[in-house]
Amino acid sequence: MRDGLVKIVYQGKETETAPTSVGGFLASVGVAADKVIIEYKGDILSAAAAASAPLEEGAELNAFKVVAGG
């Protein structure tokens, strides 16, 4: 952690953010945790789990929106 920031990889890009939860980070970038599939450190998290999971230095985070159609 540098200057009070945590470096993570979000959607394949390195970014720095204030220490927060996974859900807090997603909200800060405009993503509703209950509307996406959240992959954090190789695991799928529910929105409830994301709300309390702390962001860790160097962790990878992805959010996927499922689109259905025909």
PDB file of N, CA and C in Angstrom:
ATOM      1  N   MET A   1       0.854  -1.166   0.000  1.00  0.00           N
ATOM      2  CA  MET A   1       0.000   0.000   0.000  1.00  0.00           C
ATOM      3  C   MET A   1       0.903   1.233   0.000  1.00  0.00           C
ATOM      4  N   ARG A   2       0.657   2.115  -0.957  1.00  0.00           N
ATOM      5  CA  ARG A   2       1.418   3.358  -1.058  1.00  0.00           C
ATOM      6  C   ARG A   2       0.481   4.524  -0.838  1.00  0.00           C
ATOM      7  N   ASP A   3       0.953   5.496  -0.103  1.00  0.00           N
ATOM      8  CA  ASP A   3       0.180   6.723   0.096  1.00  0.00           C
ATOM      9  C   ASP A   3      -1.254   6.425   0.525  1.00  0.00           C
ATOM     10  N   GLY A   4      -1.441   5.347   1.265  1.00  0.00           N
ATOM     11  CA  GLY A   4      -2.772   5.000   1.727  1.00  0.00           C
ATOM     12  C   GLY A   4      -3.653   4.377   0.660  1.00  0.00           C
ATOM     13  N   LEU A   5      -3.091   4.064  -0.510  1.00  0.00           N
ATOM     14  CA  LEU A   5      -3.869   3.480  -1.609  1.00  0.00           C
ATOM     15  C   LEU A   5      -3.521   2.004  -1.781  1.00  0.00           C
ATOM     16  N   VAL A   6      -4.475   1.250  -2.283  1.00  0.00           N
ATOM     17  CA  VAL A   6      -4.287  -0.162  -2.589  1.00  0.00           C
ATOM     18  C   VAL A   6      -4.252  -0.308  -4.106  1.00  0.00           C
ATOM     19  N   LYS A   7      -3.251  -1.033  -4.610  1.00  0.00           N
ATOM     20  CA  LYS A   7      -3.173  -1.291  -6.053  1.00  0.00           C
ATOM     21  C   LYS A   7      -3.830  -2.631  -6.336  1.00  0.00           C
ATOM     22  N   ILE A   8      -4.816  -2.619  -7.252  1.00  0.00           N
ATOM     23  CA  ILE A   8      -5.500  -3.842  -7.667  1.00  0.00           C
ATOM     24  C   ILE A   8      -5.535  -3.888  -9.187  1.00  0.00           C
ATOM     25  N   VAL A   9      -5.957  -5.021  -9.719  1.00  0.00           N
ATOM     26  CA  VAL A   9      -6.179  -5.160 -11.156  1.00  0.00           C
ATOM     27  C   VAL A   9      -7.681  -5.309 -11.341  1.00  0.00           C
ATOM     28  N   TYR A  10      -8.307  -4.299 -11.953  1.00  0.00           N
ATOM     29  CA  TYR A  10      -9.747  -4.313 -12.180  1.00  0.00           C
ATOM     30  C   TYR A  10     -10.017  -4.355 -13.671  1.00  0.00           C
ATOM     31  N   GLN A  11     -10.747  -5.371 -14.099  1.00  0.00           N
ATOM     32  CA  GLN A  11     -11.068  -5.576 -15.515  1.00  0.00           C
ATOM     33  C   GLN A  11      -9.792  -5.582 -16.372  1.00  0.00           C
ATOM     34  N   GLY A  12      -8.719  -6.159 -15.827  1.00  0.00           N
ATOM     35  CA  GLY A  12      -7.469  -6.303 -16.563  1.00  0.00           C
ATOM     36  C   GLY A  12      -6.544  -5.098 -16.528  1.00  0.00           C
ATOM     37  N   LYS A  13      -6.931  -4.042 -15.820  1.00  0.00           N
ATOM     38  CA  LYS A  13      -6.105  -2.828 -15.767  1.00  0.00           C
ATOM     39  C   LYS A  13      -5.725  -2.518 -14.333  1.00  0.00           C
ATOM     40  N   GLU A  14      -4.437  -2.193 -14.128  1.00  0.00           N
ATOM     41  CA  GLU A  14      -3.999  -1.796 -12.796  1.00  0.00           C
ATOM     42  C   GLU A  14      -4.640  -0.475 -12.416  1.00  0.00           C
ATOM     43  N   THR A  15      -5.085  -0.407 -11.168  1.00  0.00           N
ATOM     44  CA  THR A  15      -5.671   0.826 -10.664  1.00  0.00           C
ATOM     45  C   THR A  15      -5.346   0.949  -9.186  1.00  0.00           C
ATOM     46  N   GLU A  16      -5.329   2.164  -8.691  1.00  0.00           N
ATOM     47  CA  GLU A  16      -5.124   2.400  -7.271  1.00  0.00           C
ATOM     48  C   GLU A  16      -6.394   2.997  -6.700  1.00  0.00           C
ATOM     49  N   THR A  17      -6.726   2.578  -5.494  1.00  0.00           N
ATOM     50  CA  THR A  17      -7.943   3.039  -4.846  1.00  0.00           C
ATOM     51  C   THR A  17      -7.730   3.102  -3.344  1.00  0.00           C
ATOM     52  N   ALA A  18      -8.579   3.843  -2.694  1.00  0.00           N
ATOM     53  CA  ALA A  18      -8.545   3.865  -1.231  1.00  0.00           C
ATOM     54  C   ALA A  18      -8.948   2.488  -0.714  1.00  0.00           C
ATOM     55  N   PRO A  19      -8.393   2.069   0.420  1.00  0.00           N
ATOM     56  CA  PRO A  19      -8.791   0.786   0.982  1.00  0.00           C
ATOM     57  C   PRO A  19     -10.289   0.778   1.270  1.00  0.00           C
ATOM     58  N   THR A  20     -10.966  -0.237   0.800  1.00  0.00           N
ATOM     59  CA  THR A  20     -12.408  -0.368   0.970  1.00  0.00           C
ATOM     60  C   THR A  20     -12.768  -1.822   0.762  1.00  0.00           C
ATOM     61  N   SER A  21     -14.036  -2.106   0.720  1.00  0.00           N
ATOM     62  CA  SER A  21     -14.491  -3.463   0.400  1.00  0.00           C
ATOM     63  C   SER A  21     -14.610  -3.601  -1.109  1.00  0.00           C
ATOM     64  N   VAL A  22     -14.744  -4.830  -1.561  1.00  0.00           N
ATOM     65  CA  VAL A  22     -14.969  -5.073  -2.987  1.00  0.00           C
ATOM     66  C   VAL A  22     -16.243  -4.356  -3.427  1.00  0.00           C
ATOM     67  N   GLY A  23     -17.306  -4.499  -2.648  1.00  0.00           N
ATOM     68  CA  GLY A  23     -18.563  -3.836  -2.970  1.00  0.00           C
ATOM     69  C   GLY A  23     -18.440  -2.325  -2.974  1.00  0.00           C
ATOM     70  N   GLY A  24     -17.680  -1.782  -2.031  1.00  0.00           N
ATOM     71  CA  GLY A  24     -17.456  -0.332  -1.976  1.00  0.00           C
ATOM     72  C   GLY A  24     -16.711   0.164  -3.195  1.00  0.00           C
ATOM     73  N   PHE A  25     -15.704  -0.599  -3.634  1.00  0.00           N
ATOM     74  CA  PHE A  25     -14.972  -0.213  -4.833  1.00  0.00           C
ATOM     75  C   PHE A  25     -15.882  -0.244  -6.052  1.00  0.00           C
ATOM     76  N   LEU A  26     -16.654  -1.318  -6.200  1.00  0.00           N
ATOM     77  CA  LEU A  26     -17.543  -1.408  -7.354  1.00  0.00           C
ATOM     78  C   LEU A  26     -18.528  -0.241  -7.375  1.00  0.00           C
ATOM     79  N   ALA A  27     -19.079   0.103  -6.234  1.00  0.00           N
ATOM     80  CA  ALA A  27     -19.993   1.248  -6.162  1.00  0.00           C
ATOM     81  C   ALA A  27     -19.286   2.533  -6.584  1.00  0.00           C
ATOM     82  N   SER A  28     -18.011   2.672  -6.212  1.00  0.00           N
ATOM     83  CA  SER A  28     -17.268   3.897  -6.544  1.00  0.00           C
ATOM     84  C   SER A  28     -17.017   4.042  -8.037  1.00  0.00           C
ATOM     85  N   VAL A  29     -17.062   2.919  -8.771  1.00  0.00           N
ATOM     86  CA  VAL A  29     -16.889   2.986 -10.228  1.00  0.00           C
ATOM     87  C   VAL A  29     -18.217   2.813 -10.960  1.00  0.00           C
ATOM     88  N   GLY A  30     -19.317   2.905 -10.209  1.00  0.00           N
ATOM     89  CA  GLY A  30     -20.644   2.893 -10.820  1.00  0.00           C
ATOM     90  C   GLY A  30     -21.204   1.531 -11.158  1.00  0.00           C
ATOM     91  N   VAL A  31     -20.706   0.483 -10.502  1.00  0.00           N
ATOM     92  CA  VAL A  31     -21.182  -0.870 -10.766  1.00  0.00           C
ATOM     93  C   VAL A  31     -22.008  -1.345  -9.568  1.00  0.00           C
ATOM     94  N   ALA A  32     -23.246  -1.756  -9.815  1.00  0.00           N
ATOM     95  CA  ALA A  32     -24.106  -2.295  -8.759  1.00  0.00           C
ATOM     96  C   ALA A  32     -23.758  -3.766  -8.546  1.00  0.00           C
ATOM     97  N   ALA A  33     -23.223  -4.089  -7.379  1.00  0.00           N
ATOM     98  CA  ALA A  33     -22.750  -5.446  -7.102  1.00  0.00           C
ATOM     99  C   ALA A  33     -23.842  -6.498  -7.247  1.00  0.00           C
ATOM    100  N   ASP A  34     -25.085  -6.117  -7.042  1.00  0.00           N
ATOM    101  CA  ASP A  34     -26.172  -7.093  -7.152  1.00  0.00           C
ATOM    102  C   ASP A  34     -26.653  -7.293  -8.584  1.00  0.00           C
ATOM    103  N   LYS A  35     -26.036  -6.601  -9.535  1.00  0.00           N
ATOM    104  CA  LYS A  35     -26.438  -6.703 -10.944  1.00  0.00           C
ATOM    105  C   LYS A  35     -25.371  -7.366 -11.812  1.00  0.00           C
ATOM    106  N   VAL A  36     -24.263  -7.803 -11.210  1.00  0.00           N
ATOM    107  CA  VAL A  36     -23.158  -8.389 -11.969  1.00  0.00           C
ATOM    108  C   VAL A  36     -22.670  -9.660 -11.285  1.00  0.00           C
ATOM    109  N   ILE A  37     -21.893 -10.434 -12.014  1.00  0.00           N
ATOM    110  CA  ILE A  37     -21.166 -11.560 -11.435  1.00  0.00           C
ATOM    111  C   ILE A  37     -19.798 -11.017 -11.048  1.00  0.00           C
ATOM    112  N   ILE A  38     -19.424 -11.225  -9.804  1.00  0.00           N
ATOM    113  CA  ILE A  38     -18.171 -10.674  -9.280  1.00  0.00           C
ATOM    114  C   ILE A  38     -17.156 -11.801  -9.129  1.00  0.00           C
ATOM    115  N   GLU A  39     -16.010 -11.632  -9.806  1.00  0.00           N
ATOM    116  CA  GLU A  39     -14.899 -12.567  -9.644  1.00  0.00           C
ATOM    117  C   GLU A  39     -13.800 -11.816  -8.902  1.00  0.00           C
ATOM    118  N   TYR A  40     -13.417 -12.336  -7.751  1.00  0.00           N
ATOM    119  CA  TYR A  40     -12.383 -11.696  -6.939  1.00  0.00           C
ATOM    120  C   TYR A  40     -11.377 -12.746  -6.505  1.00  0.00           C
ATOM    121  N   LYS A  41     -10.147 -12.567  -6.896  1.00  0.00           N
ATOM    122  CA  LYS A  41      -9.060 -13.498  -6.577  1.00  0.00           C
ATOM    123  C   LYS A  41      -9.393 -14.918  -7.008  1.00  0.00           C
ATOM    124  N   GLY A  42     -10.077 -15.040  -8.163  1.00  0.00           N
ATOM    125  CA  GLY A  42     -10.383 -16.348  -8.719  1.00  0.00           C
ATOM    126  C   GLY A  42     -11.649 -16.986  -8.197  1.00  0.00           C
ATOM    127  N   ASP A  43     -12.324 -16.338  -7.255  1.00  0.00           N
ATOM    128  CA  ASP A  43     -13.567 -16.869  -6.696  1.00  0.00           C
ATOM    129  C   ASP A  43     -14.744 -15.989  -7.090  1.00  0.00           C
ATOM    130  N   ILE A  44     -15.924 -16.586  -7.187  1.00  0.00           N
ATOM    131  CA  ILE A  44     -17.148 -15.843  -7.447  1.00  0.00           C
ATOM    132  C   ILE A  44     -17.723 -15.409  -6.100  1.00  0.00           C
ATOM    133  N   LEU A  45     -18.040 -14.119  -5.969  1.00  0.00           N
ATOM    134  CA  LEU A  45     -18.608 -13.588  -4.732  1.00  0.00           C
ATOM    135  C   LEU A  45     -20.050 -13.159  -4.949  1.00  0.00           C
ATOM    136  N   SER A  46     -20.872 -13.379  -3.948  1.00  0.00           N
ATOM    137  CA  SER A  46     -22.218 -12.808  -3.962  1.00  0.00           C
ATOM    138  C   SER A  46     -22.101 -11.328  -3.624  1.00  0.00           C
ATOM    139  N   ALA A  47     -23.143 -10.580  -3.885  1.00  0.00           N
ATOM    140  CA  ALA A  47     -23.133  -9.153  -3.549  1.00  0.00           C
ATOM    141  C   ALA A  47     -22.944  -8.975  -2.048  1.00  0.00           C
ATOM    142  N   ALA A  48     -23.567  -9.841  -1.251  1.00  0.00           N
ATOM    143  CA  ALA A  48     -23.431  -9.752   0.206  1.00  0.00           C
ATOM    144  C   ALA A  48     -21.989 -10.009   0.643  1.00  0.00           C
ATOM    145  N   ALA A  49     -21.341 -11.005   0.039  1.00  0.00           N
ATOM    146  CA  ALA A  49     -19.949 -11.290   0.383  1.00  0.00           C
ATOM    147  C   ALA A  49     -19.034 -10.155  -0.061  1.00  0.00           C
ATOM    148  N   ALA A  50     -19.323  -9.564  -1.212  1.00  0.00           N
ATOM    149  CA  ALA A  50     -18.511  -8.456  -1.723  1.00  0.00           C
ATOM    150  C   ALA A  50     -18.573  -7.246  -0.800  1.00  0.00           C
ATOM    151  N   ALA A  51     -19.709  -7.075  -0.133  1.00  0.00           N
ATOM    152  CA  ALA A  51     -19.876  -5.929   0.761  1.00  0.00           C
ATOM    153  C   ALA A  51     -18.898  -5.960   1.927  1.00  0.00           C
ATOM    154  N   SER A  52     -18.473  -7.162   2.324  1.00  0.00           N
ATOM    155  CA  SER A  52     -17.570  -7.260   3.470  1.00  0.00           C
ATOM    156  C   SER A  52     -16.165  -7.742   3.122  1.00  0.00           C
ATOM    157  N   ALA A  53     -15.926  -8.127   1.869  1.00  0.00           N
ATOM    158  CA  ALA A  53     -14.604  -8.613   1.466  1.00  0.00           C
ATOM    159  C   ALA A  53     -13.665  -7.422   1.247  1.00  0.00           C
ATOM    160  N   PRO A  54     -12.570  -7.341   2.010  1.00  0.00           N
ATOM    161  CA  PRO A  54     -11.658  -6.212   1.844  1.00  0.00           C
ATOM    162  C   PRO A  54     -10.822  -6.337   0.564  1.00  0.00           C
ATOM    163  N   LEU A  55     -10.588  -5.216  -0.087  1.00  0.00           N
ATOM    164  CA  LEU A  55      -9.672  -5.219  -1.229  1.00  0.00           C
ATOM    165  C   LEU A  55      -8.261  -5.485  -0.721  1.00  0.00           C
ATOM    166  N   GLU A  56      -7.544  -6.348  -1.395  1.00  0.00           N
ATOM    167  CA  GLU A  56      -6.182  -6.678  -1.002  1.00  0.00           C
ATOM    168  C   GLU A  56      -5.208  -6.236  -2.085  1.00  0.00           C
ATOM    169  N   GLU A  57      -4.070  -5.762  -1.665  1.00  0.00           N
ATOM    170  CA  GLU A  57      -3.014  -5.318  -2.578  1.00  0.00           C
ATOM    171  C   GLU A  57      -2.728  -6.404  -3.606  1.00  0.00           C
ATOM    172  N   GLY A  58      -2.749  -6.024  -4.889  1.00  0.00           N
ATOM    173  CA  GLY A  58      -2.397  -6.925  -5.976  1.00  0.00           C
ATOM    174  C   GLY A  58      -3.507  -7.865  -6.427  1.00  0.00           C
ATOM    175  N   ALA A  59      -4.656  -7.817  -5.785  1.00  0.00           N
ATOM    176  CA  ALA A  59      -5.751  -8.736  -6.122  1.00  0.00           C
ATOM    177  C   ALA A  59      -6.368  -8.382  -7.466  1.00  0.00           C
ATOM    178  N   GLU A  60      -6.901  -9.416  -8.118  1.00  0.00           N
ATOM    179  CA  GLU A  60      -7.601  -9.216  -9.395  1.00  0.00           C
ATOM    180  C   GLU A  60      -9.099  -9.247  -9.147  1.00  0.00           C
ATOM    181  N   LEU A  61      -9.799  -8.292  -9.766  1.00  0.00           N
ATOM    182  CA  LEU A  61     -11.247  -8.143  -9.612  1.00  0.00           C
ATOM    183  C   LEU A  61     -11.864  -7.944 -10.985  1.00  0.00           C
ATOM    184  N   ASN A  62     -12.909  -8.703 -11.259  1.00  0.00           N
ATOM    185  CA  ASN A  62     -13.647  -8.551 -12.510  1.00  0.00           C
ATOM    186  C   ASN A  62     -15.138  -8.534 -12.198  1.00  0.00           C
ATOM    187  N   ALA A  63     -15.886  -7.773 -12.977  1.00  0.00           N
ATOM    188  CA  ALA A  63     -17.329  -7.738 -12.853  1.00  0.00           C
ATOM    189  C   ALA A  63     -17.914  -8.012 -14.242  1.00  0.00           C
ATOM    190  N   PHE A  64     -18.789  -9.009 -14.300  1.00  0.00           N
ATOM    191  CA  PHE A  64     -19.367  -9.420 -15.574  1.00  0.00           C
ATOM    192  C   PHE A  64     -20.871  -9.226 -15.542  1.00  0.00           C
ATOM    193  N   LYS A  65     -21.398  -8.592 -16.576  1.00  0.00           N
ATOM    194  CA  LYS A  65     -22.840  -8.438 -16.697  1.00  0.00           C
ATOM    195  C   LYS A  65     -23.334  -9.504 -17.671  1.00  0.00           C
ATOM    196  N   VAL A  66     -24.338 -10.231 -17.245  1.00  0.00           N
ATOM    197  CA  VAL A  66     -24.904 -11.284 -18.074  1.00  0.00           C
ATOM    198  C   VAL A  66     -25.969 -10.659 -18.968  1.00  0.00           C
ATOM    199  N   VAL A  67     -25.855 -10.911 -20.256  1.00  0.00           N
ATOM    200  CA  VAL A  67     -26.806 -10.394 -21.224  1.00  0.00           C
ATOM    201  C   VAL A  67     -27.443 -11.589 -21.923  1.00  0.00           C
ATOM    202  N   ALA A  68     -28.745 -11.657 -21.874  1.00  0.00           N
ATOM    203  CA  ALA A  68     -29.464 -12.751 -22.517  1.00  0.00           C
ATOM    204  C   ALA A  68     -30.204 -12.203 -23.735  1.00  0.00           C
ATOM    205  N   GLY A  69     -30.357 -13.024 -24.692  1.00  0.00           N
ATOM    206  CA  GLY A  69     -31.071 -12.585 -25.887  1.00  0.00           C
ATOM    207  C   GLY A  69     -31.251 -13.749 -26.845  1.00  0.00           C
ATOM    208  N   GLY A  70     -31.903 -13.452 -27.894  1.00  0.00           N
ATOM    209  CA  GLY A  70     -32.135 -14.550 -28.826  1.00  0.00           C
ATOM    210  C   GLY A  70     -32.015 -14.103 -30.242  1.00  0.00           C
TER     211      GLY A  70
END
